[in-house]
Amino acid sequence: MNEEQQRIAIAAALGWTDIRRENRHAFGGLRGDPPNNVRMVVPSYCRDLNKTQSAIKALITTKLLEVEFIERLTSVINREVSGDYRKLGAGPIDFVTARPEWLAEALIKTLNLPQP
């Protein structure tokens, strides 16, 4: 999935509706209707660590999902790290310093979100 598809998938899982690309002069972009709010720009979950963490807290609601999320994140980290460090495998510091795009990918895989 590309970044926009990931944004749409996570936003839809959080209850956003009518998500679409709009060209509104300088304020264009991907917009949607979040639950209990007015139409706004869909957050960039792959670039904004705070938004990604909020989505994880809202969507990972059971211990089973939490365990699966950690397993998925471990796989993403192990794929992304390089060199001799990869031989060590993912460790606690990797989870603390995980990039937002890694977290978003692990979240999408954990929840088996459909590609928009």
Protein backbone atom coordinates (compact mmCIF):
# COMPACT_ATOMS: atom_id res chain seq x y z
CA MET A 1 0.00 0.00 0.00
CA ASN A 2 1.20 3.48 -0.67
CA GLU A 3 1.05 6.20 2.00
CA GLU A 4 -2.32 7.58 0.89
CA GLN A 5 -3.89 4.11 0.91
CA GLN A 6 -2.52 3.56 4.43
CA ARG A 7 -4.00 6.88 5.58
CA ILE A 8 -7.38 5.91 4.16
CA ALA A 9 -7.31 2.40 5.66
CA ILE A 10 -6.43 3.61 9.17
CA ALA A 11 -8.88 6.52 9.05
CA ALA A 12 -11.70 4.22 7.91
CA ALA A 13 -10.89 1.80 10.74
CA LEU A 14 -11.20 4.75 13.14
CA GLY A 15 -14.67 5.55 11.80
CA TRP A 16 -13.94 8.26 9.24
CA THR A 17 -16.39 8.41 6.34
CA ASP A 18 -16.51 10.01 2.89
CA ILE A 19 -12.73 10.01 2.53
CA ARG A 20 -11.58 11.43 -0.78
CA ARG A 21 -9.00 13.65 -2.43
CA GLU A 22 -10.17 17.24 -2.77
CA ASN A 23 -8.57 20.13 -4.58
CA ARG A 24 -9.43 23.23 -2.59
CA HIS A 25 -6.93 25.82 -3.73
CA ALA A 26 -3.99 25.84 -1.30
CA PHE A 27 -5.85 23.62 1.18
CA GLY A 28 -6.41 20.57 -1.00
CA GLY A 29 -5.56 17.04 -0.12
CA LEU A 30 -7.09 13.97 1.42
CA ARG A 31 -10.17 14.92 3.43
CA GLY A 32 -12.86 13.04 5.27
CA ASP A 33 -15.48 13.17 7.99
CA PRO A 34 -14.17 11.91 11.34
CA PRO A 35 -16.67 10.65 13.93
CA ASN A 36 -18.35 13.53 15.76
CA ASN A 37 -16.50 16.24 13.88
CA VAL A 38 -16.58 18.39 10.78
CA ARG A 39 -14.84 17.56 7.50
CA MET A 40 -11.08 17.88 7.81
CA VAL A 41 -7.73 16.70 6.46
CA VAL A 42 -7.04 13.02 7.12
CA PRO A 43 -3.97 12.72 9.38
CA SER A 44 -0.74 11.46 7.90
CA TYR A 45 -0.37 8.35 10.06
CA CYS A 46 2.86 7.41 8.25
CA ARG A 47 4.55 10.69 9.13
CA ASP A 48 3.01 11.85 12.42
CA LEU A 49 4.08 9.72 15.38
CA ASN A 50 1.45 11.27 17.69
CA LYS A 51 -1.40 10.47 15.29
CA THR A 52 -0.06 6.96 14.74
CA GLN A 53 0.16 6.29 18.48
CA SER A 54 -3.38 7.61 18.97
CA ALA A 55 -4.64 5.26 16.25
CA ILE A 56 -2.83 2.31 17.83
CA LYS A 57 -4.35 3.07 21.25
CA ALA A 58 -7.83 3.33 19.72
CA LEU A 59 -7.63 0.19 17.57
CA ILE A 60 -5.49 -2.26 19.55
CA THR A 61 -8.07 -3.06 22.20
CA THR A 62 -7.26 -6.59 23.37
CA LYS A 63 -4.18 -8.42 24.61
CA LEU A 64 -4.44 -10.76 21.63
CA LEU A 65 -4.28 -7.81 19.21
CA GLU A 66 -1.46 -6.30 21.25
CA VAL A 67 0.61 -9.49 20.95
CA GLU A 68 -0.08 -9.72 17.23
CA PHE A 69 0.81 -6.05 16.76
CA ILE A 70 4.16 -6.57 18.52
CA GLU A 71 4.85 -9.61 16.30
CA ARG A 72 4.03 -7.61 13.15
CA LEU A 73 6.12 -4.66 14.31
CA THR A 74 9.02 -7.00 15.07
CA SER A 75 8.84 -8.32 11.49
CA VAL A 76 8.80 -4.80 10.05
CA ILE A 77 11.74 -3.70 12.22
CA ASN A 78 13.75 -6.81 11.35
CA ARG A 79 13.15 -6.11 7.64
CA GLU A 80 14.10 -2.44 7.92
CA VAL A 81 17.24 -2.50 10.06
CA SER A 82 20.49 -3.25 8.32
CA GLY A 83 23.88 -4.85 8.64
CA ASP A 84 25.20 -6.50 11.76
CA TYR A 85 22.42 -4.93 13.80
CA ARG A 86 19.88 -7.10 11.94
CA LYS A 87 21.53 -10.25 13.29
CA LEU A 88 20.58 -9.18 16.82
CA GLY A 89 16.88 -8.92 15.97
CA ALA A 90 14.43 -6.33 17.26
CA GLY A 91 15.04 -5.22 20.82
CA PRO A 92 13.27 -2.92 23.30
CA ILE A 93 14.96 0.23 21.98
CA ASP A 94 13.65 -0.54 18.49
CA PHE A 95 10.07 -0.41 19.71
CA VAL A 96 10.64 2.92 21.42
CA THR A 97 12.30 4.43 18.36
CA ALA A 98 10.10 2.81 15.69
CA ARG A 99 9.32 5.13 12.80
CA PRO A 100 5.67 6.12 12.27
CA GLU A 101 5.53 4.38 8.89
CA TRP A 102 6.66 1.12 10.53
CA LEU A 103 3.97 1.46 13.19
CA ALA A 104 1.32 2.22 10.56
CA GLU A 105 2.33 -0.82 8.50
CA ALA A 106 2.25 -3.09 11.55
CA LEU A 107 -1.16 -1.70 12.55
CA ILE A 108 -2.63 -2.30 9.09
CA LYS A 109 -1.26 -5.85 8.98
CA THR A 110 -2.47 -6.62 12.51
CA LEU A 111 -6.01 -5.50 11.76
CA ASN A 112 -5.91 -6.98 8.25
CA LEU A 113 -7.31 -3.71 6.92
CA PRO A 114 -8.50 -3.80 3.32
CA GLN A 115 -6.64 -1.84 0.70
CA PRO A 116 -8.88 1.06 -0.39
